[in-house]
PDB file of N, CA and C in Angstrom:
ATOM      1  N   MET A   1     160.349 204.638  88.451  1.00  0.00           N
ATOM      2  CA  MET A   1     160.870 205.972  88.676  1.00  0.00           C
ATOM      3  C   MET A   1     159.893 206.826  89.503  1.00  0.00           C
ATOM      4  N   ASN A   2     158.593 206.624  89.261  1.00  0.00           N
ATOM      5  CA  ASN A   2     157.596 207.382  90.018  1.00  0.00           C
ATOM      6  C   ASN A   2     157.685 207.096  91.508  1.00  0.00           C
ATOM      7  N   LEU A   3     158.004 205.858  91.874  1.00  0.00           N
ATOM      8  CA  LEU A   3     158.150 205.521  93.292  1.00  0.00           C
ATOM      9  C   LEU A   3     159.270 206.318  93.946  1.00  0.00           C
ATOM     10  N   LEU A   4     160.327 206.565  93.211  1.00  0.00           N
ATOM     11  CA  LEU A   4     161.433 207.375  93.729  1.00  0.00           C
ATOM     12  C   LEU A   4     160.976 208.811  93.979  1.00  0.00           C
ATOM     13  N   PHE A   5     160.240 209.387  93.045  1.00  0.00           N
ATOM     14  CA  PHE A   5     159.710 210.747  93.218  1.00  0.00           C
ATOM     15  C   PHE A   5     158.761 210.814  94.420  1.00  0.00           C
ATOM     16  N   ILE A   6     157.907 209.815  94.548  1.00  0.00           N
ATOM     17  CA  ILE A   6     156.971 209.778  95.673  1.00  0.00           C
ATOM     18  C   ILE A   6     157.740 209.652  96.986  1.00  0.00           C
ATOM     19  N   GLY A   7     158.738 208.789  97.027  1.00  0.00           N
ATOM     20  CA  GLY A   7     159.520 208.577  98.245  1.00  0.00           C
ATOM     21  C   GLY A   7     160.279 209.808  98.690  1.00  0.00           C
ATOM     22  N   ILE A   8     160.936 210.471  97.754  1.00  0.00           N
ATOM     23  CA  ILE A   8     161.695 211.686  98.096  1.00  0.00           C
ATOM     24  C   ILE A   8     160.737 212.805  98.525  1.00  0.00           C
ATOM     25  N   GLY A   9     159.676 212.980  97.759  1.00  0.00           N
ATOM     26  CA  GLY A   9     158.682 213.996  98.124  1.00  0.00           C
ATOM     27  C   GLY A   9     158.045 213.694  99.465  1.00  0.00           C
ATOM     28  N   GLY A  10     157.728 212.427  99.709  1.00  0.00           N
ATOM     29  CA  GLY A  10     157.122 212.026 100.969  1.00  0.00           C
ATOM     30  C   GLY A  10     158.034 212.289 102.152  1.00  0.00           C
ATOM     31  N   GLY A  11     159.313 211.989 101.995  1.00  0.00           N
ATOM     32  CA  GLY A  11     160.270 212.260 103.071  1.00  0.00           C
ATOM     33  C   GLY A  11     160.359 213.743 103.379  1.00  0.00           C
ATOM     34  N   LEU A  12     160.428 214.546 102.336  1.00  0.00           N
ATOM     35  CA  LEU A  12     160.514 215.997 102.535  1.00  0.00           C
ATOM     36  C   LEU A  12     159.215 216.563 103.119  1.00  0.00           C
ATOM     37  N   GLY A  13     158.090 216.018 102.705  1.00  0.00           N
ATOM     38  CA  GLY A  13     156.813 216.469 103.246  1.00  0.00           C
ATOM     39  C   GLY A  13     156.681 216.142 104.725  1.00  0.00           C
ATOM     40  N   ALA A  14     157.100 214.941 105.112  1.00  0.00           N
ATOM     41  CA  ALA A  14     157.016 214.545 106.521  1.00  0.00           C
ATOM     42  C   ALA A  14     157.932 215.400 107.390  1.00  0.00           C
ATOM     43  N   ILE A  15     159.132 215.661 106.904  1.00  0.00           N
ATOM     44  CA  ILE A  15     160.072 216.511 107.646  1.00  0.00           C
ATOM     45  C   ILE A  15     159.529 217.936 107.757  1.00  0.00           C
ATOM     46  N   SER A  16     158.934 218.432 106.687  1.00  0.00           N
ATOM     47  CA  SER A  16     158.351 219.775 106.703  1.00  0.00           C
ATOM     48  C   SER A  16     157.189 219.865 107.680  1.00  0.00           C
ATOM     49  N   ARG A  17     156.330 218.843 107.676  1.00  0.00           N
ATOM     50  CA  ARG A  17     155.207 218.826 108.612  1.00  0.00           C
ATOM     51  C   ARG A  17     155.717 218.812 110.051  1.00  0.00           C
ATOM     52  N   TYR A  18     156.709 218.003 110.332  1.00  0.00           N
ATOM     53  CA  TYR A  18     157.263 217.916 111.679  1.00  0.00           C
ATOM     54  C   TYR A  18     157.842 219.267 112.115  1.00  0.00           C
ATOM     55  N   GLY A  19     158.621 219.887 111.250  1.00  0.00           N
ATOM     56  CA  GLY A  19     159.228 221.182 111.574  1.00  0.00           C
ATOM     57  C   GLY A  19     158.195 222.267 111.802  1.00  0.00           C
ATOM     58  N   LEU A  20     157.191 222.333 110.929  1.00  0.00           N
ATOM     59  CA  LEU A  20     156.142 223.342 111.074  1.00  0.00           C
ATOM     60  C   LEU A  20     155.313 223.084 112.333  1.00  0.00           C
ATOM     61  N   THR A  21     155.059 221.829 112.633  1.00  0.00           N
ATOM     62  CA  THR A  21     154.304 221.481 113.839  1.00  0.00           C
ATOM     63  C   THR A  21     155.064 221.907 115.094  1.00  0.00           C
ATOM     64  N   ILE A  22     156.345 221.644 115.144  1.00  0.00           N
ATOM     65  CA  ILE A  22     157.170 222.050 116.291  1.00  0.00           C
ATOM     66  C   ILE A  22     157.126 223.576 116.442  1.00  0.00           C
ATOM     67  N   PHE A  23     157.283 224.286 115.338  1.00  0.00           N
ATOM     68  CA  PHE A  23     157.278 225.754 115.350  1.00  0.00           C
ATOM     69  C   PHE A  23     155.944 226.304 115.873  1.00  0.00           C
ATOM     70  N   ILE A  24     154.834 225.787 115.340  1.00  0.00           N
ATOM     71  CA  ILE A  24     153.514 226.274 115.742  1.00  0.00           C
ATOM     72  C   ILE A  24     153.223 225.909 117.197  1.00  0.00           C
ATOM     73  N   ASP A  25     153.598 224.703 117.600  1.00  0.00           N
ATOM     74  CA  ASP A  25     153.364 224.281 118.984  1.00  0.00           C
ATOM     75  C   ASP A  25     154.107 225.170 119.986  1.00  0.00           C
ATOM     76  N   LYS A  26     155.263 225.685 119.593  1.00  0.00           N
ATOM     77  CA  LYS A  26     156.003 226.597 120.482  1.00  0.00           C
ATOM     78  C   LYS A  26     155.288 227.937 120.622  1.00  0.00           C
ATOM     79  N   LEU A  27     154.570 228.346 119.601  1.00  0.00           N
ATOM     80  CA  LEU A  27     153.829 229.609 119.632  1.00  0.00           C
ATOM     81  C   LEU A  27     152.485 229.479 120.338  1.00  0.00           C
ATOM     82  N   SER A  28     151.922 228.305 120.331  1.00  0.00           N
ATOM     83  CA  SER A  28     150.597 228.067 120.892  1.00  0.00           C
ATOM     84  C   SER A  28     150.725 227.231 122.157  1.00  0.00           C
ATOM     85  N   SER A  29     150.165 227.737 123.244  1.00  0.00           N
ATOM     86  CA  SER A  29     150.314 227.040 124.512  1.00  0.00           C
ATOM     87  C   SER A  29     149.053 226.314 124.958  1.00  0.00           C
ATOM     88  N   ASN A  30     148.030 226.239 124.111  1.00  0.00           N
ATOM     89  CA  ASN A  30     146.802 225.572 124.530  1.00  0.00           C
ATOM     90  C   ASN A  30     146.763 224.123 124.044  1.00  0.00           C
ATOM     91  N   SER A  31     145.721 223.410 124.431  1.00  0.00           N
ATOM     92  CA  SER A  31     145.610 221.998 124.073  1.00  0.00           C
ATOM     93  C   SER A  31     144.909 221.785 122.728  1.00  0.00           C
ATOM     94  N   PHE A  32     144.454 222.851 122.095  1.00  0.00           N
ATOM     95  CA  PHE A  32     143.819 222.741 120.782  1.00  0.00           C
ATOM     96  C   PHE A  32     144.882 222.386 119.745  1.00  0.00           C
ATOM     97  N   PRO A  33     144.636 221.395 118.901  1.00  0.00           N
ATOM     98  CA  PRO A  33     145.641 220.953 117.913  1.00  0.00           C
ATOM     99  C   PRO A  33     145.765 221.909 116.726  1.00  0.00           C
ATOM    100  N   LEU A  34     146.179 223.127 117.021  1.00  0.00           N
ATOM    101  CA  LEU A  34     146.288 224.173 116.005  1.00  0.00           C
ATOM    102  C   LEU A  34     147.294 223.823 114.915  1.00  0.00           C
ATOM    103  N   ALA A  35     148.402 223.211 115.282  1.00  0.00           N
ATOM    104  CA  ALA A  35     149.448 222.889 114.298  1.00  0.00           C
ATOM    105  C   ALA A  35     148.923 221.954 113.217  1.00  0.00           C
ATOM    106  N   THR A  36     148.219 220.922 113.611  1.00  0.00           N
ATOM    107  CA  THR A  36     147.684 219.977 112.622  1.00  0.00           C
ATOM    108  C   THR A  36     146.643 220.653 111.749  1.00  0.00           C
ATOM    109  N   LEU A  37     145.815 221.498 112.327  1.00  0.00           N
ATOM    110  CA  LEU A  37     144.819 222.234 111.551  1.00  0.00           C
ATOM    111  C   LEU A  37     145.501 223.109 110.506  1.00  0.00           C
ATOM    112  N   ILE A  38     146.509 223.845 110.905  1.00  0.00           N
ATOM    113  CA  ILE A  38     147.218 224.731 109.978  1.00  0.00           C
ATOM    114  C   ILE A  38     147.913 223.937 108.875  1.00  0.00           C
ATOM    115  N   VAL A  39     148.571 222.864 109.254  1.00  0.00           N
ATOM    116  CA  VAL A  39     149.266 222.026 108.264  1.00  0.00           C
ATOM    117  C   VAL A  39     148.273 221.483 107.236  1.00  0.00           C
ATOM    118  N   ASN A  40     147.136 220.979 107.696  1.00  0.00           N
ATOM    119  CA  ASN A  40     146.158 220.405 106.771  1.00  0.00           C
ATOM    120  C   ASN A  40     145.526 221.461 105.874  1.00  0.00           C
ATOM    121  N   VAL A  41     145.229 222.631 106.421  1.00  0.00           N
ATOM    122  CA  VAL A  41     144.654 223.708 105.605  1.00  0.00           C
ATOM    123  C   VAL A  41     145.681 224.191 104.576  1.00  0.00           C
ATOM    124  N   LEU A  42     146.913 224.381 104.996  1.00  0.00           N
ATOM    125  CA  LEU A  42     147.973 224.807 104.077  1.00  0.00           C
ATOM    126  C   LEU A  42     148.191 223.766 102.975  1.00  0.00           C
ATOM    127  N   GLY A  43     148.231 222.505 103.351  1.00  0.00           N
ATOM    128  CA  GLY A  43     148.399 221.439 102.357  1.00  0.00           C
ATOM    129  C   GLY A  43     147.270 221.407 101.351  1.00  0.00           C
ATOM    130  N   CYS A  44     146.046 221.621 101.811  1.00  0.00           N
ATOM    131  CA  CYS A  44     144.897 221.639 100.902  1.00  0.00           C
ATOM    132  C   CYS A  44     144.919 222.857  99.982  1.00  0.00           C
ATOM    133  N   LEU A  45     145.346 223.997 100.513  1.00  0.00           N
ATOM    134  CA  LEU A  45     145.493 225.180  99.672  1.00  0.00           C
ATOM    135  C   LEU A  45     146.532 224.925  98.569  1.00  0.00           C
ATOM    136  N   LEU A  46     147.660 224.329  98.954  1.00  0.00           N
ATOM    137  CA  LEU A  46     148.716 224.044  97.981  1.00  0.00           C
ATOM    138  C   LEU A  46     148.277 223.036  96.924  1.00  0.00           C
ATOM    139  N   ILE A  47     147.558 221.999  97.345  1.00  0.00           N
ATOM    140  CA  ILE A  47     147.116 221.019  96.353  1.00  0.00           C
ATOM    141  C   ILE A  47     146.102 221.643  95.400  1.00  0.00           C
ATOM    142  N   GLY A  48     145.265 222.532  95.916  1.00  0.00           N
ATOM    143  CA  GLY A  48     144.338 223.237  95.042  1.00  0.00           C
ATOM    144  C   GLY A  48     145.064 224.109  94.037  1.00  0.00           C
ATOM    145  N   LEU A  49     146.074 224.846  94.517  1.00  0.00           N
ATOM    146  CA  LEU A  49     146.872 225.690  93.617  1.00  0.00           C
ATOM    147  C   LEU A  49     147.557 224.860  92.531  1.00  0.00           C
ATOM    148  N   ILE A  50     148.156 223.766  92.936  1.00  0.00           N
ATOM    149  CA  ILE A  50     148.886 222.919  91.985  1.00  0.00           C
ATOM    150  C   ILE A  50     147.930 222.292  90.976  1.00  0.00           C
ATOM    151  N   LEU A  51     146.872 221.694  91.461  1.00  0.00           N
ATOM    152  CA  LEU A  51     145.945 221.026  90.550  1.00  0.00           C
ATOM    153  C   LEU A  51     145.172 222.019  89.692  1.00  0.00           C
ATOM    154  N   GLY A  52     144.979 223.233  90.198  1.00  0.00           N
ATOM    155  CA  GLY A  52     144.263 224.246  89.431  1.00  0.00           C
ATOM    156  C   GLY A  52     145.100 224.904  88.356  1.00  0.00           C
ATOM    157  N   SER A  53     146.411 224.800  88.472  1.00  0.00           N
ATOM    158  CA  SER A  53     147.233 225.554  87.535  1.00  0.00           C
ATOM    159  C   SER A  53     148.047 224.708  86.576  1.00  0.00           C
ATOM    160  N   SER A  54     148.991 223.989  87.085  1.00  0.00           N
ATOM    161  CA  SER A  54     150.029 223.491  86.195  1.00  0.00           C
ATOM    162  C   SER A  54     149.977 222.021  85.859  1.00  0.00           C
ATOM    163  N   ILE A  55     149.342 221.236  86.640  1.00  0.00           N
ATOM    164  CA  ILE A  55     149.460 219.797  86.403  1.00  0.00           C
ATOM    165  C   ILE A  55     148.215 219.272  85.708  1.00  0.00           C
ATOM    166  N   GLN A  56     148.349 219.031  84.445  1.00  0.00           N
ATOM    167  CA  GLN A  56     147.254 218.455  83.674  1.00  0.00           C
ATOM    168  C   GLN A  56     147.427 216.952  83.516  1.00  0.00           C
ATOM    169  N   SER A  57     148.663 216.489  83.592  1.00  0.00           N
ATOM    170  CA  SER A  57     148.932 215.058  83.478  1.00  0.00           C
ATOM    171  C   SER A  57     149.769 214.613  84.668  1.00  0.00           C
ATOM    172  N   LYS A  58     149.803 213.356  84.877  1.00  0.00           N
ATOM    173  CA  LYS A  58     150.537 212.809  86.013  1.00  0.00           C
ATOM    174  C   LYS A  58     152.002 212.612  85.623  1.00  0.00           C
ATOM    175  N   ASP A  59     152.763 213.712  85.660  1.00  0.00           N
ATOM    176  CA  ASP A  59     154.181 213.652  85.355  1.00  0.00           C
ATOM    177  C   ASP A  59     154.989 213.548  86.648  1.00  0.00           C
ATOM    178  N   SER A  60     156.298 213.679  86.563  1.00  0.00           N
ATOM    179  CA  SER A  60     157.149 213.530  87.740  1.00  0.00           C
ATOM    180  C   SER A  60     156.851 214.575  88.812  1.00  0.00           C
ATOM    181  N   THR A  61     156.453 215.785  88.421  1.00  0.00           N
ATOM    182  CA  THR A  61     156.093 216.826  89.387  1.00  0.00           C
ATOM    183  C   THR A  61     154.867 216.407  90.189  1.00  0.00           C
ATOM    184  N   TYR A  62     153.916 215.824  89.520  1.00  0.00           N
ATOM    185  CA  TYR A  62     152.705 215.347  90.184  1.00  0.00           C
ATOM    186  C   TYR A  62     153.063 214.290  91.234  1.00  0.00           C
ATOM    187  N   TYR A  63     153.847 213.310  90.852  1.00  0.00           N
ATOM    188  CA  TYR A  63     154.201 212.235  91.788  1.00  0.00           C
ATOM    189  C   TYR A  63     155.037 212.758  92.949  1.00  0.00           C
ATOM    190  N   PHE A  64     155.970 213.665  92.670  1.00  0.00           N
ATOM    191  CA  PHE A  64     156.820 214.214  93.719  1.00  0.00           C
ATOM    192  C   PHE A  64     156.036 215.109  94.670  1.00  0.00           C
ATOM    193  N   PHE A  65     155.325 216.084  94.122  1.00  0.00           N
ATOM    194  CA  PHE A  65     154.725 217.111  94.971  1.00  0.00           C
ATOM    195  C   PHE A  65     153.339 216.737  95.481  1.00  0.00           C
ATOM    196  N   VAL A  66     152.452 216.281  94.600  1.00  0.00           N
ATOM    197  CA  VAL A  66     151.074 216.015  95.009  1.00  0.00           C
ATOM    198  C   VAL A  66     150.983 214.723  95.821  1.00  0.00           C
ATOM    199  N   ILE A  67     151.459 213.630  95.273  1.00  0.00           N
ATOM    200  CA  ILE A  67     151.345 212.357  95.991  1.00  0.00           C
ATOM    201  C   ILE A  67     152.383 212.263  97.107  1.00  0.00           C
ATOM    202  N   GLY A  68     153.641 212.581  96.812  1.00  0.00           N
ATOM    203  CA  GLY A  68     154.696 212.442  97.807  1.00  0.00           C
ATOM    204  C   GLY A  68     154.682 213.519  98.872  1.00  0.00           C
ATOM    205  N   PHE A  69     155.038 214.739  98.495  1.00  0.00           N
ATOM    206  CA  PHE A  69     155.188 215.820  99.469  1.00  0.00           C
ATOM    207  C   PHE A  69     153.885 216.136 100.192  1.00  0.00           C
ATOM    208  N   LEU A  70     152.849 216.485  99.439  1.00  0.00           N
ATOM    209  CA  LEU A  70     151.586 216.881 100.081  1.00  0.00           C
ATOM    210  C   LEU A  70     150.871 215.693 100.725  1.00  0.00           C
ATOM    211  N   GLY A  71     151.082 214.502 100.182  1.00  0.00           N
ATOM    212  CA  GLY A  71     150.493 213.311 100.788  1.00  0.00           C
ATOM    213  C   GLY A  71     151.023 213.047 102.188  1.00  0.00           C
ATOM    214  N   SER A  72     152.291 213.351 102.412  1.00  0.00           N
ATOM    215  CA  SER A  72     152.846 213.134 103.756  1.00  0.00           C
ATOM    216  C   SER A  72     152.860 214.409 104.585  1.00  0.00           C
ATOM    217  N   PHE A  73     152.746 215.559 103.949  1.00  0.00           N
ATOM    218  CA  PHE A  73     152.692 216.829 104.680  1.00  0.00           C
ATOM    219  C   PHE A  73     151.366 216.941 105.426  1.00  0.00           C
ATOM    220  N   THR A  74     150.277 216.647 104.744  1.00  0.00           N
ATOM    221  CA  THR A  74     148.975 216.660 105.414  1.00  0.00           C
ATOM    222  C   THR A  74     148.818 215.354 106.182  1.00  0.00           C
ATOM    223  N   THR A  75     147.958 215.364 107.185  1.00  0.00           N
ATOM    224  CA  THR A  75     147.899 214.190 108.052  1.00  0.00           C
ATOM    225  C   THR A  75     146.506 213.903 108.585  1.00  0.00           C
ATOM    226  N   MET A  76     145.880 212.923 108.009  1.00  0.00           N
ATOM    227  CA  MET A  76     144.568 212.498 108.490  1.00  0.00           C
ATOM    228  C   MET A  76     144.697 211.691 109.778  1.00  0.00           C
ATOM    229  N   SER A  77     145.767 210.951 109.921  1.00  0.00           N
ATOM    230  CA  SER A  77     145.933 210.122 111.120  1.00  0.00           C
ATOM    231  C   SER A  77     146.087 210.984 112.371  1.00  0.00           C
ATOM    232  N   ALA A  78     146.848 212.066 112.293  1.00  0.00           N
ATOM    233  CA  ALA A  78     146.985 212.959 113.451  1.00  0.00           C
ATOM    234  C   ALA A  78     145.652 213.641 113.745  1.00  0.00           C
ATOM    235  N   PHE A  79     144.948 214.052 112.709  1.00  0.00           N
ATOM    236  CA  PHE A  79     143.637 214.680 112.886  1.00  0.00           C
ATOM    237  C   PHE A  79     142.678 213.750 113.621  1.00  0.00           C
ATOM    238  N   SER A  80     142.582 212.508 113.178  1.00  0.00           N
ATOM    239  CA  SER A  80     141.630 211.588 113.811  1.00  0.00           C
ATOM    240  C   SER A  80     142.057 211.237 115.233  1.00  0.00           C
ATOM    241  N   SER A  81     143.336 211.053 115.456  1.00  0.00           N
ATOM    242  CA  SER A  81     143.839 210.748 116.797  1.00  0.00           C
ATOM    243  C   SER A  81     143.590 211.909 117.756  1.00  0.00           C
ATOM    244  N   GLN A  82     143.855 213.121 117.301  1.00  0.00           N
ATOM    245  CA  GLN A  82     143.644 214.293 118.149  1.00  0.00           C
ATOM    246  C   GLN A  82     142.156 214.523 118.418  1.00  0.00           C
ATOM    247  N   SER A  83     141.321 214.217 117.449  1.00  0.00           N
ATOM    248  CA  SER A  83     139.877 214.340 117.660  1.00  0.00           C
ATOM    249  C   SER A  83     139.421 213.392 118.759  1.00  0.00           C
ATOM    250  N   ILE A  84     139.870 212.154 118.708  1.00  0.00           N
ATOM    251  CA  ILE A  84     139.519 211.174 119.738  1.00  0.00           C
ATOM    252  C   ILE A  84     140.059 211.612 121.095  1.00  0.00           C
ATOM    253  N   ASP A  85     141.292 212.139 121.123  1.00  0.00           N
ATOM    254  CA  ASP A  85     141.871 212.630 122.382  1.00  0.00           C
ATOM    255  C   ASP A  85     141.021 213.741 122.993  1.00  0.00           C
ATOM    256  N   LEU A  86     140.540 214.650 122.163  1.00  0.00           N
ATOM    257  CA  LEU A  86     139.716 215.741 122.673  1.00  0.00           C
ATOM    258  C   LEU A  86     138.405 215.220 123.264  1.00  0.00           C
ATOM    259  N   PHE A  87     137.800 214.251 122.605  1.00  0.00           N
ATOM    260  CA  PHE A  87     136.568 213.672 123.147  1.00  0.00           C
ATOM    261  C   PHE A  87     136.848 212.847 124.405  1.00  0.00           C
ATOM    262  N   SER A  88     137.965 212.150 124.439  1.00  0.00           N
ATOM    263  CA  SER A  88     138.325 211.322 125.600  1.00  0.00           C
ATOM    264  C   SER A  88     138.674 212.154 126.829  1.00  0.00           C
ATOM    265  N   SER A  89     139.139 213.378 126.610  1.00  0.00           N
ATOM    266  CA  SER A  89     139.529 214.230 127.734  1.00  0.00           C
ATOM    267  C   SER A  89     138.383 215.136 128.183  1.00  0.00           C
ATOM    268  N   ASN A  90     137.176 214.715 127.894  1.00  0.00           N
ATOM    269  CA  ASN A  90     135.968 215.434 128.325  1.00  0.00           C
ATOM    270  C   ASN A  90     135.897 216.855 127.780  1.00  0.00           C
ATOM    271  N   THR A  91     136.338 217.043 126.570  1.00  0.00           N
ATOM    272  CA  THR A  91     136.197 218.335 125.894  1.00  0.00           C
ATOM    273  C   THR A  91     135.480 218.130 124.556  1.00  0.00           C
ATOM    274  N   PRO A  92     134.255 217.595 124.598  1.00  0.00           N
ATOM    275  CA  PRO A  92     133.563 217.290 123.340  1.00  0.00           C
ATOM    276  C   PRO A  92     133.231 218.524 122.507  1.00  0.00           C
ATOM    277  N   ILE A  93     133.032 219.655 123.139  1.00  0.00           N
ATOM    278  CA  ILE A  93     132.739 220.872 122.371  1.00  0.00           C
ATOM    279  C   ILE A  93     133.968 221.273 121.554  1.00  0.00           C
ATOM    280  N   ILE A  94     135.137 221.207 122.165  1.00  0.00           N
ATOM    281  CA  ILE A  94     136.368 221.537 121.440  1.00  0.00           C
ATOM    282  C   ILE A  94     136.633 220.484 120.365  1.00  0.00           C
ATOM    283  N   GLY A  95     136.364 219.215 120.671  1.00  0.00           N
ATOM    284  CA  GLY A  95     136.528 218.158 119.679  1.00  0.00           C
ATOM    285  C   GLY A  95     135.631 218.362 118.472  1.00  0.00           C
ATOM    286  N   THR A  96     134.391 218.701 118.729  1.00  0.00           N
ATOM    287  CA  THR A  96     133.444 218.960 117.643  1.00  0.00           C
ATOM    288  C   THR A  96     133.871 220.183 116.831  1.00  0.00           C
ATOM    289  N   LEU A  97     134.309 221.232 117.517  1.00  0.00           N
ATOM    290  CA  LEU A  97     134.789 222.434 116.839  1.00  0.00           C
ATOM    291  C   LEU A  97     135.996 222.111 115.950  1.00  0.00           C
ATOM    292  N   TYR A  98     136.915 221.310 116.475  1.00  0.00           N
ATOM    293  CA  TYR A  98     138.105 220.915 115.713  1.00  0.00           C
ATOM    294  C   TYR A  98     137.719 220.159 114.438  1.00  0.00           C
ATOM    295  N   ILE A  99     136.803 219.226 114.558  1.00  0.00           N
ATOM    296  CA  ILE A  99     136.360 218.452 113.392  1.00  0.00           C
ATOM    297  C   ILE A  99     135.681 219.367 112.377  1.00  0.00           C
ATOM    298  N   MET A 100     134.791 220.230 112.853  1.00  0.00           N
ATOM    299  CA  MET A 100     134.075 221.128 111.946  1.00  0.00           C
ATOM    300  C   MET A 100     135.023 222.115 111.269  1.00  0.00           C
ATOM    301  N   LEU A 101     135.957 222.674 112.031  1.00  0.00           N
ATOM    302  CA  LEU A 101     136.929 223.604 111.449  1.00  0.00           C
ATOM    303  C   LEU A 101     137.805 222.909 110.413  1.00  0.00           C
ATOM    304  N   THR A 102     138.286 221.722 110.746  1.00  0.00           N
ATOM    305  CA  THR A 102     139.160 221.002 109.824  1.00  0.00           C
ATOM    306  C   THR A 102     138.441 220.677 108.527  1.00  0.00           C
ATOM    307  N   MET A 103     137.251 220.129 108.626  1.00  0.00           N
ATOM    308  CA  MET A 103     136.512 219.757 107.415  1.00  0.00           C
ATOM    309  C   MET A 103     136.180 220.980 106.556  1.00  0.00           C
ATOM    310  N   SER A 104     135.640 222.014 107.169  1.00  0.00           N
ATOM    311  CA  SER A 104     135.233 223.184 106.393  1.00  0.00           C
ATOM    312  C   SER A 104     136.432 223.959 105.851  1.00  0.00           C
ATOM    313  N   MET A 105     137.465 224.133 106.670  1.00  0.00           N
ATOM    314  CA  MET A 105     138.605 224.940 106.232  1.00  0.00           C
ATOM    315  C   MET A 105     139.458 224.236 105.185  1.00  0.00           C
ATOM    316  N   THR A 106     139.584 222.907 105.258  1.00  0.00           N
ATOM    317  CA  THR A 106     140.386 222.214 104.244  1.00  0.00           C
ATOM    318  C   THR A 106     139.674 222.199 102.894  1.00  0.00           C
ATOM    319  N   ILE A 107     138.372 222.005 102.921  1.00  0.00           N
ATOM    320  CA  ILE A 107     137.621 222.040 101.662  1.00  0.00           C
ATOM    321  C   ILE A 107     137.637 223.446 101.071  1.00  0.00           C
ATOM    322  N   LEU A 108     137.446 224.456 101.910  1.00  0.00           N
ATOM    323  CA  LEU A 108     137.494 225.843 101.446  1.00  0.00           C
ATOM    324  C   LEU A 108     138.883 226.190 100.908  1.00  0.00           C
ATOM    325  N   ALA A 109     139.930 225.752 101.594  1.00  0.00           N
ATOM    326  CA  ALA A 109     141.296 226.037 101.142  1.00  0.00           C
ATOM    327  C   ALA A 109     141.571 225.385  99.790  1.00  0.00           C
ATOM    328  N   THR A 110     141.105 224.160  99.589  1.00  0.00           N
ATOM    329  CA  THR A 110     141.286 223.492  98.291  1.00  0.00           C
ATOM    330  C   THR A 110     140.539 224.249  97.205  1.00  0.00           C
ATOM    331  N   PHE A 111     139.330 224.675  97.489  1.00  0.00           N
ATOM    332  CA  PHE A 111     138.543 225.443  96.525  1.00  0.00           C
ATOM    333  C   PHE A 111     139.245 226.760  96.183  1.00  0.00           C
ATOM    334  N   ILE A 112     139.720 227.462  97.197  1.00  0.00           N
ATOM    335  CA  ILE A 112     140.438 228.735  96.962  1.00  0.00           C
ATOM    336  C   ILE A 112     141.677 228.478  96.129  1.00  0.00           C
ATOM    337  N   GLY A 113     142.420 227.441  96.472  1.00  0.00           N
ATOM    338  CA  GLY A 113     143.612 227.111  95.688  1.00  0.00           C
ATOM    339  C   GLY A 113     143.295 226.807  94.239  1.00  0.00           C
ATOM    340  N   LEU A 114     142.259 226.014  93.996  1.00  0.00           N
ATOM    341  CA  LEU A 114     141.858 225.704  92.614  1.00  0.00           C
ATOM    342  C   LEU A 114     141.460 226.970  91.869  1.00  0.00           C
ATOM    343  N   THR A 115     140.735 227.847  92.559  1.00  0.00           N
ATOM    344  CA  THR A 115     140.294 229.101  91.932  1.00  0.00           C
ATOM    345  C   THR A 115     141.475 230.011  91.619  1.00  0.00           C
ATOM    346  N   LEU A 116     142.390 230.153  92.555  1.00  0.00           N
ATOM    347  CA  LEU A 116     143.568 230.998  92.330  1.00  0.00           C
ATOM    348  C   LEU A 116     144.519 230.397  91.297  1.00  0.00           C
ATOM    349  N   GLY A 117     144.534 229.076  91.223  1.00  0.00           N
ATOM    350  CA  GLY A 117     145.449 228.404  90.303  1.00  0.00           C
ATOM    351  C   GLY A 117     145.071 228.464  88.855  1.00  0.00           C
ATOM    352  N   LYS A 118     143.816 228.823  88.579  1.00  0.00           N
ATOM    353  CA  LYS A 118     143.355 228.853  87.176  1.00  0.00           C
ATOM    354  C   LYS A 118     143.752 230.126  86.487  1.00  0.00           C
TER     355      LYS A 118
END
């Protein structure tokens, strides 16, 4: 049964990430991967809120939202691919900035979420 919750949550998370990415990309006209940064920071904030507040055990909500939805909403593969693209296109300063922003902001967002969730 948990696999079903993970699958449904994962599908909805992937669709949500795609929709939000399209929306943000239309607002931003530069080559900086702002959409992926925002998606990952938002996902980390949400996981912090969820884990800080309501989920003490691994019930169906945990499998649906944390593993399924947020697992597919956030995206390490896009982050790493975009980082390599930035370095390959002779923009190492922007690539380094992207990596530093992603790492620091996602950890900070998770911490804020955990703090607010308690």
